[in-house]
Amino acid sequence: PNLIACPMCGRLEIDMLPMVAEVEKALKRIKRPINVSVMGCVVNGPGEGQHADIGIAGGRGKGILFKHGKIVGSFPEKELVPALLRELDAIAAEDAKLAS
């Protein structure tokens, strides 16, 4: 798995470091090649992460979940990482099923 995270510029509107750490931990269970994006603003985040298979972009107390460049959900900031982790858990479960 490949994790893409924004460089935390002046547009950053969420607490990125804990989010990135949680996603990094979850990626250890993923066996397939996948690009996951964690971006800190909804202005540039979706565009910068559009080549990711799945990702989040957050800002001002809320954020979006996207897959392959398309927005698939909007969540309050505190639910943003859990939404991404649910998706990653589903991918990990699918990988485990394929491996057995």
C-alpha atoms as a PDB file:
ATOM      1  CA  PRO A   1       0.000   0.000   0.000  1.00  0.00           C
ATOM      2  CA  ASN A   2       1.038   3.558  -0.716  1.00  0.00           C
ATOM      3  CA  LEU A   3      -0.063   6.396   1.579  1.00  0.00           C
ATOM      4  CA  ILE A   4      -0.201   9.878   0.107  1.00  0.00           C
ATOM      5  CA  ALA A   5      -0.534  12.704   2.632  1.00  0.00           C
ATOM      6  CA  CYS A   6      -0.527  16.425   2.012  1.00  0.00           C
ATOM      7  CA  PRO A   7       2.481  18.487   3.063  1.00  0.00           C
ATOM      8  CA  MET A   8       0.434  20.353   5.691  1.00  0.00           C
ATOM      9  CA  CYS A   9       0.452  23.804   4.108  1.00  0.00           C
ATOM     10  CA  GLY A  10      -1.269  26.952   5.342  1.00  0.00           C
ATOM     11  CA  ARG A  11      -4.653  25.655   4.130  1.00  0.00           C
ATOM     12  CA  LEU A  12      -4.563  22.774   6.626  1.00  0.00           C
ATOM     13  CA  GLU A  13      -7.809  22.766   8.587  1.00  0.00           C
ATOM     14  CA  ILE A  14      -7.710  19.400  10.378  1.00  0.00           C
ATOM     15  CA  ASP A  15      -5.372  17.598  12.778  1.00  0.00           C
ATOM     16  CA  MET A  16      -3.488  15.577  10.160  1.00  0.00           C
ATOM     17  CA  LEU A  17      -0.794  13.746  12.116  1.00  0.00           C
ATOM     18  CA  PRO A  18      -3.105  11.521  14.202  1.00  0.00           C
ATOM     19  CA  MET A  19      -5.193  10.804  11.098  1.00  0.00           C
ATOM     20  CA  VAL A  20      -2.163   9.747   9.082  1.00  0.00           C
ATOM     21  CA  ALA A  21      -0.944   7.540  11.945  1.00  0.00           C
ATOM     22  CA  GLU A  22      -4.308   5.739  12.152  1.00  0.00           C
ATOM     23  CA  VAL A  23      -4.422   5.166   8.407  1.00  0.00           C
ATOM     24  CA  GLU A  24      -0.805   3.934   8.329  1.00  0.00           C
ATOM     25  CA  LYS A  25      -1.654   1.379  11.005  1.00  0.00           C
ATOM     26  CA  ALA A  26      -4.713   0.173   9.074  1.00  0.00           C
ATOM     27  CA  LEU A  27      -2.710  -0.178   5.862  1.00  0.00           C
ATOM     28  CA  LYS A  28      -0.560  -2.888   7.441  1.00  0.00           C
ATOM     29  CA  ARG A  29      -3.504  -5.261   6.977  1.00  0.00           C
ATOM     30  CA  ILE A  30      -3.856  -4.516   3.255  1.00  0.00           C
ATOM     31  CA  LYS A  31      -2.053  -6.960   0.979  1.00  0.00           C
ATOM     32  CA  ARG A  32      -2.852  -5.541  -2.453  1.00  0.00           C
ATOM     33  CA  PRO A  33      -1.237  -2.571  -4.162  1.00  0.00           C
ATOM     34  CA  ILE A  34      -3.420   0.406  -3.300  1.00  0.00           C
ATOM     35  CA  ASN A  35      -2.971   4.169  -3.118  1.00  0.00           C
ATOM     36  CA  VAL A  36      -4.624   5.845  -0.134  1.00  0.00           C
ATOM     37  CA  SER A  37      -4.759   9.612   0.218  1.00  0.00           C
ATOM     38  CA  VAL A  38      -5.134  11.717   3.379  1.00  0.00           C
ATOM     39  CA  MET A  39      -5.463  15.413   2.561  1.00  0.00           C
ATOM     40  CA  GLY A  40      -5.883  18.348   4.910  1.00  0.00           C
ATOM     41  CA  CYS A  41      -8.229  20.615   2.978  1.00  0.00           C
ATOM     42  CA  VAL A  42     -11.299  20.147   0.821  1.00  0.00           C
ATOM     43  CA  VAL A  43     -10.173  22.848  -1.618  1.00  0.00           C
ATOM     44  CA  ASN A  44      -7.168  21.061  -3.120  1.00  0.00           C
ATOM     45  CA  GLY A  45      -7.348  17.691  -1.394  1.00  0.00           C
ATOM     46  CA  PRO A  46      -9.666  15.903  -3.827  1.00  0.00           C
ATOM     47  CA  GLY A  47      -7.719  17.166  -6.829  1.00  0.00           C
ATOM     48  CA  GLU A  48      -4.344  16.304  -5.349  1.00  0.00           C
ATOM     49  CA  GLY A  49      -5.601  12.894  -4.273  1.00  0.00           C
ATOM     50  CA  GLN A  50      -7.652  12.098  -7.373  1.00  0.00           C
ATOM     51  CA  HIS A  51      -5.244   9.406  -8.506  1.00  0.00           C
ATOM     52  CA  ALA A  52      -5.631   7.527  -5.237  1.00  0.00           C
ATOM     53  CA  ASP A  53      -7.834   4.466  -5.075  1.00  0.00           C
ATOM     54  CA  ILE A  54      -9.454   5.839  -1.936  1.00  0.00           C
ATOM     55  CA  GLY A  55      -8.902   8.805   0.325  1.00  0.00           C
ATOM     56  CA  ILE A  56     -10.172  11.551   2.557  1.00  0.00           C
ATOM     57  CA  ALA A  57      -9.907  15.322   2.504  1.00  0.00           C
ATOM     58  CA  GLY A  58     -10.947  17.326   5.531  1.00  0.00           C
ATOM     59  CA  GLY A  59     -11.448  20.881   6.604  1.00  0.00           C
ATOM     60  CA  ARG A  60     -13.362  23.122   9.012  1.00  0.00           C
ATOM     61  CA  GLY A  61     -14.898  20.345  11.046  1.00  0.00           C
ATOM     62  CA  LYS A  62     -15.940  18.118   8.155  1.00  0.00           C
ATOM     63  CA  GLY A  63     -14.547  16.254   5.202  1.00  0.00           C
ATOM     64  CA  ILE A  64     -15.155  13.978   2.267  1.00  0.00           C
ATOM     65  CA  LEU A  65     -14.405  10.376   1.399  1.00  0.00           C
ATOM     66  CA  PHE A  66     -13.538   9.728  -2.211  1.00  0.00           C
ATOM     67  CA  LYS A  67     -12.829   6.708  -4.393  1.00  0.00           C
ATOM     68  CA  HIS A  68     -11.028   6.984  -7.708  1.00  0.00           C
ATOM     69  CA  GLY A  69     -11.482  10.769  -7.720  1.00  0.00           C
ATOM     70  CA  LYS A  70     -15.235  10.724  -7.050  1.00  0.00           C
ATOM     71  CA  ILE A  71     -16.786  11.908  -3.801  1.00  0.00           C
ATOM     72  CA  VAL A  72     -18.713   9.062  -2.171  1.00  0.00           C
ATOM     73  CA  GLY A  73     -19.515  10.586   1.213  1.00  0.00           C
ATOM     74  CA  SER A  74     -19.339  13.611   3.475  1.00  0.00           C
ATOM     75  CA  PHE A  75     -18.683  13.277   7.206  1.00  0.00           C
ATOM     76  CA  PRO A  76     -18.087  15.369  10.317  1.00  0.00           C
ATOM     77  CA  GLU A  77     -14.343  15.519  11.052  1.00  0.00           C
ATOM     78  CA  LYS A  78     -14.563  13.059  13.950  1.00  0.00           C
ATOM     79  CA  GLU A  79     -16.201  10.474  11.650  1.00  0.00           C
ATOM     80  CA  LEU A  80     -13.895  10.990   8.674  1.00  0.00           C
ATOM     81  CA  VAL A  81     -11.084   8.596   9.599  1.00  0.00           C
ATOM     82  CA  PRO A  82     -13.502   5.943  10.913  1.00  0.00           C
ATOM     83  CA  ALA A  83     -15.304   6.061   7.542  1.00  0.00           C
ATOM     84  CA  LEU A  84     -12.010   5.508   5.716  1.00  0.00           C
ATOM     85  CA  LEU A  85     -10.999   2.765   8.155  1.00  0.00           C
ATOM     86  CA  ARG A  86     -14.278   0.925   7.516  1.00  0.00           C
ATOM     87  CA  GLU A  87     -13.482   0.950   3.806  1.00  0.00           C
ATOM     88  CA  LEU A  88      -9.926  -0.244   4.456  1.00  0.00           C
ATOM     89  CA  ASP A  89     -11.217  -2.980   6.789  1.00  0.00           C
ATOM     90  CA  ALA A  90     -13.485  -4.208   3.998  1.00  0.00           C
ATOM     91  CA  ILE A  91     -10.528  -4.295   1.608  1.00  0.00           C
ATOM     92  CA  ALA A  92      -8.405  -6.160   4.186  1.00  0.00           C
ATOM     93  CA  ALA A  93     -11.212  -8.688   4.735  1.00  0.00           C
ATOM     94  CA  GLU A  94     -11.494  -9.230   0.996  1.00  0.00           C
ATOM     95  CA  ASP A  95      -7.717  -9.711   0.755  1.00  0.00           C
ATOM     96  CA  ALA A  96      -7.824 -12.248   3.604  1.00  0.00           C
ATOM     97  CA  LYS A  97     -10.649 -14.133   1.927  1.00  0.00           C
ATOM     98  CA  LEU A  98      -8.738 -14.271  -1.364  1.00  0.00           C
ATOM     99  CA  ALA A  99      -5.608 -15.503   0.419  1.00  0.00           C
ATOM    100  CA  SER A 100      -7.391 -18.428   2.085  1.00  0.00           C
END
